[in-house]
N, C-alpha and C. Protein backbone atom coordinates (compact mmCIF):
# COMPACT_ATOMS: atom_id res chain seq x y z
N MET A 1 135.49 99.60 135.71
CA MET A 1 134.64 100.74 135.47
C MET A 1 134.69 101.19 134.01
N CYS A 2 135.87 101.30 133.47
CA CYS A 2 136.01 101.88 132.14
C CYS A 2 135.36 101.04 131.05
N GLU A 3 135.25 99.72 131.27
CA GLU A 3 134.64 98.86 130.25
C GLU A 3 133.21 99.29 129.94
N ILE A 4 132.52 99.81 130.93
CA ILE A 4 131.16 100.30 130.72
C ILE A 4 131.15 101.36 129.62
N PHE A 5 132.19 102.17 129.58
CA PHE A 5 132.26 103.25 128.61
C PHE A 5 132.99 102.86 127.33
N ILE A 6 134.10 102.13 127.46
CA ILE A 6 134.90 101.82 126.27
C ILE A 6 134.28 100.75 125.39
N SER A 7 133.27 100.06 125.90
CA SER A 7 132.59 99.04 125.09
C SER A 7 131.54 99.62 124.16
N ALA A 8 131.43 100.95 124.13
CA ALA A 8 130.46 101.61 123.24
C ALA A 8 130.78 101.30 121.78
N ASP A 9 129.77 101.15 120.98
CA ASP A 9 129.93 100.94 119.54
C ASP A 9 130.66 102.15 118.96
N PRO A 10 131.79 101.94 118.29
CA PRO A 10 132.53 103.08 117.72
C PRO A 10 131.69 103.95 116.78
N GLN A 11 130.68 103.37 116.14
CA GLN A 11 129.83 104.18 115.28
C GLN A 11 129.03 105.21 116.08
N SER A 12 128.78 104.93 117.35
CA SER A 12 127.99 105.87 118.16
C SER A 12 128.74 107.18 118.40
N TYR A 13 130.07 107.15 118.39
CA TYR A 13 130.80 108.39 118.61
C TYR A 13 131.47 108.93 117.35
N GLU A 14 131.14 108.35 116.20
CA GLU A 14 131.54 108.96 114.94
C GLU A 14 130.64 110.16 114.68
N SER A 15 131.19 111.20 114.09
CA SER A 15 130.42 112.41 113.83
C SER A 15 129.73 112.34 112.47
N ARG A 16 128.61 113.01 112.40
CA ARG A 16 127.87 113.14 111.14
C ARG A 16 127.40 114.58 111.04
N THR A 17 127.49 115.13 109.87
CA THR A 17 127.06 116.50 109.62
C THR A 17 125.75 116.48 108.87
N ARG A 18 124.82 117.31 109.33
CA ARG A 18 123.54 117.48 108.64
C ARG A 18 123.38 118.95 108.30
N SER A 19 122.85 119.20 107.13
CA SER A 19 122.51 120.57 106.74
C SER A 19 121.06 120.81 107.10
N VAL A 20 120.82 121.93 107.74
CA VAL A 20 119.46 122.31 108.10
C VAL A 20 119.24 123.76 107.68
N ARG A 21 118.00 124.07 107.43
CA ARG A 21 117.61 125.43 107.06
C ARG A 21 116.90 126.06 108.25
N LEU A 22 117.50 127.10 108.80
CA LEU A 22 116.91 127.83 109.91
C LEU A 22 116.50 129.20 109.42
N HIS A 23 115.21 129.40 109.22
CA HIS A 23 114.66 130.65 108.71
C HIS A 23 115.29 131.07 107.40
N GLY A 24 115.39 130.09 106.50
CA GLY A 24 115.88 130.37 105.16
C GLY A 24 117.39 130.34 105.02
N VAL A 25 118.12 130.19 106.12
CA VAL A 25 119.57 130.14 106.07
C VAL A 25 120.02 128.70 106.28
N VAL A 26 120.77 128.18 105.32
CA VAL A 26 121.28 126.82 105.43
C VAL A 26 122.53 126.82 106.30
N THR A 27 122.54 125.94 107.27
CA THR A 27 123.69 125.81 108.16
C THR A 27 123.97 124.32 108.36
N SER A 28 125.18 124.00 108.72
CA SER A 28 125.57 122.62 108.97
C SER A 28 125.78 122.42 110.46
N ILE A 29 125.30 121.28 110.93
CA ILE A 29 125.48 120.92 112.34
C ILE A 29 126.17 119.57 112.38
N ARG A 30 127.27 119.51 113.11
CA ARG A 30 128.04 118.28 113.23
C ARG A 30 127.90 117.75 114.66
N LEU A 31 127.34 116.55 114.78
CA LEU A 31 127.18 115.88 116.07
C LEU A 31 127.57 114.41 115.94
N GLU A 32 127.87 113.80 117.06
CA GLU A 32 128.12 112.38 117.09
C GLU A 32 126.81 111.63 116.85
N ASN A 33 126.90 110.45 116.24
CA ASN A 33 125.71 109.69 115.87
C ASN A 33 124.77 109.43 117.05
N LEU A 34 125.32 109.18 118.22
CA LEU A 34 124.46 108.90 119.37
C LEU A 34 123.59 110.12 119.71
N PHE A 35 124.14 111.32 119.57
CA PHE A 35 123.34 112.53 119.82
C PHE A 35 122.23 112.66 118.78
N TRP A 36 122.54 112.35 117.51
CA TRP A 36 121.49 112.39 116.48
C TRP A 36 120.38 111.40 116.81
N GLN A 37 120.75 110.22 117.31
CA GLN A 37 119.74 109.21 117.67
C GLN A 37 118.83 109.70 118.79
N VAL A 38 119.42 110.32 119.80
CA VAL A 38 118.62 110.81 120.92
C VAL A 38 117.72 111.95 120.46
N LEU A 39 118.25 112.88 119.65
CA LEU A 39 117.42 113.97 119.14
C LEU A 39 116.28 113.43 118.29
N ASP A 40 116.54 112.36 117.53
CA ASP A 40 115.48 111.74 116.74
C ASP A 40 114.39 111.16 117.66
N GLU A 41 114.80 110.54 118.75
CA GLU A 41 113.82 110.00 119.71
C GLU A 41 112.96 111.11 120.30
N ILE A 42 113.59 112.22 120.67
CA ILE A 42 112.84 113.36 121.22
C ILE A 42 111.85 113.86 120.19
N ALA A 43 112.32 114.03 118.96
CA ALA A 43 111.46 114.54 117.88
C ALA A 43 110.27 113.62 117.64
N GLN A 44 110.52 112.32 117.57
CA GLN A 44 109.45 111.37 117.31
C GLN A 44 108.38 111.40 118.39
N ARG A 45 108.78 111.64 119.63
CA ARG A 45 107.80 111.69 120.71
C ARG A 45 106.75 112.77 120.46
N ASP A 46 107.14 113.83 119.76
CA ASP A 46 106.23 114.94 119.50
C ASP A 46 105.81 115.01 118.04
N GLY A 47 105.96 113.90 117.32
CA GLY A 47 105.49 113.83 115.94
C GLY A 47 106.25 114.73 114.97
N MET A 48 107.53 114.92 115.23
CA MET A 48 108.37 115.77 114.38
C MET A 48 109.54 114.97 113.83
N GLY A 49 110.15 115.54 112.81
CA GLY A 49 111.44 115.05 112.36
C GLY A 49 112.53 115.79 113.12
N VAL A 50 113.77 115.33 112.99
CA VAL A 50 114.89 115.95 113.70
C VAL A 50 115.06 117.41 113.28
N VAL A 51 114.95 117.68 111.99
CA VAL A 51 115.12 119.07 111.53
C VAL A 51 114.04 119.97 112.12
N GLN A 52 112.81 119.48 112.18
CA GLN A 52 111.73 120.28 112.80
C GLN A 52 112.04 120.55 114.27
N LEU A 53 112.53 119.54 114.97
CA LEU A 53 112.89 119.72 116.38
C LEU A 53 114.00 120.76 116.51
N ILE A 54 115.01 120.66 115.66
CA ILE A 54 116.13 121.61 115.73
C ILE A 54 115.63 123.03 115.47
N GLU A 55 114.75 123.19 114.50
CA GLU A 55 114.19 124.51 114.22
C GLU A 55 113.41 125.04 115.43
N LYS A 56 112.63 124.17 116.05
CA LYS A 56 111.83 124.57 117.22
C LYS A 56 112.75 124.96 118.38
N LEU A 57 113.77 124.15 118.64
CA LEU A 57 114.70 124.47 119.71
C LEU A 57 115.44 125.78 119.43
N TYR A 58 115.85 125.96 118.18
CA TYR A 58 116.53 127.20 117.79
C TYR A 58 115.64 128.42 118.04
N ASP A 59 114.41 128.32 117.57
CA ASP A 59 113.46 129.44 117.73
C ASP A 59 113.21 129.76 119.20
N GLU A 60 112.97 128.72 120.01
CA GLU A 60 112.68 128.95 121.42
C GLU A 60 113.91 129.45 122.17
N LEU A 61 115.09 128.96 121.81
CA LEU A 61 116.32 129.45 122.44
C LEU A 61 116.56 130.90 122.06
N ALA A 62 116.35 131.23 120.79
CA ALA A 62 116.52 132.62 120.34
C ALA A 62 115.54 133.55 121.05
N ALA A 63 114.31 133.10 121.23
CA ALA A 63 113.31 133.92 121.92
C ALA A 63 113.68 134.11 123.38
N ALA A 64 114.25 133.09 124.00
CA ALA A 64 114.59 133.17 125.42
C ALA A 64 115.91 133.91 125.68
N ARG A 65 116.88 133.74 124.76
CA ARG A 65 118.21 134.27 125.02
C ARG A 65 118.64 135.37 124.06
N GLY A 66 117.89 135.58 122.99
CA GLY A 66 118.28 136.60 122.03
C GLY A 66 119.54 136.21 121.28
N GLU A 67 120.40 137.15 121.08
CA GLU A 67 121.60 136.93 120.29
C GLU A 67 122.64 136.08 121.01
N GLY A 68 122.60 136.02 122.32
CA GLY A 68 123.62 135.31 123.09
C GLY A 68 123.37 133.82 123.22
N MET A 69 123.19 133.13 122.10
CA MET A 69 122.85 131.70 122.15
C MET A 69 124.07 130.82 122.32
N GLY A 70 125.26 131.29 122.01
CA GLY A 70 126.45 130.47 122.15
C GLY A 70 126.54 129.41 121.07
N ASN A 71 127.24 128.33 121.37
CA ASN A 71 127.47 127.24 120.43
C ASN A 71 126.22 126.37 120.33
N PHE A 72 125.52 126.44 119.21
CA PHE A 72 124.25 125.73 119.08
C PHE A 72 124.43 124.21 119.05
N ALA A 73 125.50 123.71 118.44
CA ALA A 73 125.75 122.27 118.43
C ALA A 73 125.95 121.76 119.86
N SER A 74 126.68 122.52 120.66
CA SER A 74 126.85 122.13 122.07
C SER A 74 125.53 122.16 122.81
N PHE A 75 124.69 123.16 122.50
CA PHE A 75 123.36 123.22 123.10
C PHE A 75 122.57 121.95 122.76
N LEU A 76 122.64 121.49 121.52
CA LEU A 76 121.92 120.27 121.12
C LEU A 76 122.45 119.05 121.86
N ARG A 77 123.75 118.98 122.07
CA ARG A 77 124.32 117.87 122.84
C ARG A 77 123.79 117.90 124.27
N VAL A 78 123.74 119.08 124.87
CA VAL A 78 123.22 119.21 126.23
C VAL A 78 121.74 118.84 126.28
N CYS A 79 120.98 119.22 125.26
CA CYS A 79 119.56 118.83 125.19
C CYS A 79 119.42 117.31 125.23
N ALA A 80 120.22 116.62 124.43
CA ALA A 80 120.16 115.15 124.37
C ALA A 80 120.56 114.55 125.72
N LEU A 81 121.60 115.08 126.32
CA LEU A 81 122.05 114.58 127.62
C LEU A 81 121.02 114.83 128.71
N ARG A 82 120.43 116.04 128.72
CA ARG A 82 119.39 116.36 129.71
C ARG A 82 118.19 115.44 129.54
N TYR A 83 117.78 115.19 128.29
CA TYR A 83 116.67 114.29 128.04
C TYR A 83 116.96 112.91 128.64
N GLN A 84 118.13 112.37 128.37
CA GLN A 84 118.48 111.05 128.89
C GLN A 84 118.52 111.04 130.42
N ALA A 85 119.08 112.09 131.01
CA ALA A 85 119.15 112.17 132.47
C ALA A 85 117.76 112.31 133.08
N LEU A 86 116.91 113.12 132.47
CA LEU A 86 115.55 113.30 132.99
C LEU A 86 114.75 112.02 132.85
N LEU A 87 115.00 111.26 131.79
CA LEU A 87 114.39 109.93 131.65
C LEU A 87 114.85 109.02 132.78
N ALA A 88 116.16 108.99 133.00
CA ALA A 88 116.73 108.11 134.03
C ALA A 88 116.21 108.45 135.42
N GLN A 89 115.94 109.73 135.66
CA GLN A 89 115.42 110.16 136.96
C GLN A 89 113.91 109.99 137.07
N GLY A 90 113.25 109.57 135.98
CA GLY A 90 111.80 109.41 136.00
C GLY A 90 111.05 110.72 135.88
N ARG A 91 111.72 111.80 135.56
CA ARG A 91 111.06 113.10 135.40
C ARG A 91 110.33 113.19 134.07
N ILE A 92 110.82 112.45 133.07
CA ILE A 92 110.16 112.29 131.78
C ILE A 92 109.76 110.83 131.70
N PRO A 93 108.49 110.54 131.36
CA PRO A 93 108.05 109.14 131.29
C PRO A 93 108.84 108.36 130.23
N ALA A 94 109.14 107.10 130.54
CA ALA A 94 109.85 106.22 129.60
C ALA A 94 108.97 105.88 128.40
N ASP A 95 107.67 105.98 128.56
CA ASP A 95 106.74 105.67 127.47
C ASP A 95 106.89 106.71 126.37
N ALA A 96 107.46 106.29 125.24
CA ALA A 96 107.73 107.21 124.12
C ALA A 96 106.45 107.75 123.49
N ALA A 97 105.30 107.19 123.84
CA ALA A 97 104.03 107.69 123.32
C ALA A 97 103.62 108.99 124.01
N VAL A 98 104.26 109.30 125.13
CA VAL A 98 103.96 110.53 125.86
C VAL A 98 104.80 111.66 125.25
N ALA A 99 104.13 112.63 124.63
CA ALA A 99 104.82 113.74 123.99
C ALA A 99 105.48 114.64 125.03
N ILE A 100 106.66 115.11 124.71
CA ILE A 100 107.36 116.04 125.61
C ILE A 100 106.52 117.30 125.79
N ALA A 101 105.90 117.77 124.72
CA ALA A 101 105.09 119.00 124.79
C ALA A 101 103.90 118.85 125.74
N SER A 102 103.49 117.62 126.03
CA SER A 102 102.35 117.41 126.93
C SER A 102 102.74 117.48 128.41
N LEU A 103 104.03 117.51 128.69
CA LEU A 103 104.50 117.49 130.07
C LEU A 103 104.51 118.91 130.64
N ASP A 104 104.28 119.01 131.94
CA ASP A 104 104.37 120.29 132.63
C ASP A 104 105.84 120.57 132.95
N ALA A 105 106.41 121.59 132.31
CA ALA A 105 107.84 121.89 132.48
C ALA A 105 108.20 122.14 133.93
N ARG A 106 107.35 122.84 134.65
CA ARG A 106 107.66 123.14 136.06
C ARG A 106 107.79 121.86 136.88
N THR A 107 106.95 120.89 136.62
CA THR A 107 107.02 119.62 137.34
C THR A 107 108.29 118.86 136.97
N VAL A 108 108.58 118.79 135.66
CA VAL A 108 109.77 118.08 135.19
C VAL A 108 111.04 118.71 135.75
N LEU A 109 111.08 120.04 135.81
CA LEU A 109 112.30 120.75 136.18
C LEU A 109 112.38 121.11 137.66
N HIS A 110 111.37 120.73 138.44
CA HIS A 110 111.35 121.06 139.86
C HIS A 110 112.56 120.47 140.57
N ALA A 111 113.27 121.30 141.31
CA ALA A 111 114.40 120.89 142.16
C ALA A 111 115.47 120.14 141.37
N LEU A 112 115.88 120.71 140.26
CA LEU A 112 116.98 120.11 139.49
C LEU A 112 118.27 120.14 140.31
N PRO A 113 119.17 119.21 140.03
CA PRO A 113 120.47 119.25 140.72
C PRO A 113 121.22 120.56 140.43
N GLN A 114 122.06 120.97 141.37
CA GLN A 114 122.87 122.19 141.23
C GLN A 114 123.58 122.21 139.88
N GLY A 115 123.52 123.32 139.19
CA GLY A 115 124.23 123.48 137.93
C GLY A 115 123.48 123.01 136.70
N TRP A 116 122.28 122.46 136.87
CA TRP A 116 121.52 121.95 135.73
C TRP A 116 120.74 123.04 135.02
N GLY A 117 120.57 124.16 135.61
CA GLY A 117 119.84 125.24 134.97
C GLY A 117 119.34 126.22 135.98
N ARG A 118 118.97 127.38 135.47
CA ARG A 118 118.42 128.39 136.37
C ARG A 118 116.97 128.05 136.67
N PRO A 119 116.47 128.49 137.81
CA PRO A 119 115.06 128.24 138.14
C PRO A 119 114.14 128.86 137.07
N LEU A 120 112.99 128.27 136.88
CA LEU A 120 112.06 128.75 135.86
C LEU A 120 111.63 130.19 136.07
N HIS A 121 111.50 130.62 137.32
CA HIS A 121 111.08 132.02 137.54
C HIS A 121 112.13 132.98 137.03
N ASP A 122 113.43 132.61 137.06
CA ASP A 122 114.47 133.45 136.48
C ASP A 122 114.36 133.49 134.97
N ALA A 123 114.02 132.35 134.35
CA ALA A 123 113.88 132.30 132.90
C ALA A 123 112.73 133.20 132.45
N ALA A 124 111.67 133.22 133.23
CA ALA A 124 110.52 134.06 132.85
C ALA A 124 110.84 135.54 132.96
N THR A 125 111.62 135.92 133.96
CA THR A 125 111.94 137.32 134.10
C THR A 125 113.02 137.77 133.13
N ALA A 126 113.82 136.82 132.63
CA ALA A 126 114.88 137.17 131.68
C ALA A 126 114.32 137.40 130.30
N ALA A 127 113.15 136.83 130.00
CA ALA A 127 112.58 136.94 128.65
C ALA A 127 111.94 138.27 128.39
C-alpha cells in the first residue's frame, strides 16, 4: 500500500513560496509544489494565472466569511484537494477546456460526503 504514496517525486512535496499582492498588500504563500501545480490547472481552466485565482479565492472567501478566514495557505491546499476529489468523482468534468466558472455549483456540490462542507443553503444564509 505505502509504495503508492512513497513513490511520489520528492520535488512534488518540496515547498515553494510565492509573493502575491492581495488588494495592494504583498504577502507570501508557502505551498508544496504539487499544490501549486493543481492551483495552476484550476486557474488555466478559467483563463487565469495562479495569482489571479488566489486573488479571486481570497476575495470570495472574505465576502463569504468576513474576518474569520483562518489559515489561507491551508484553505488553498483544501481547494486543490477538493478539486482533485471532485474530478475523481466526476462532479467536475475531466475536460480541462470546461471552465470551473461555467459549472453549476449546486449540481457539483449536491450530496457531498459528510464533513466536506456545509450545505449551500447554509452558505447563503451566512452571507
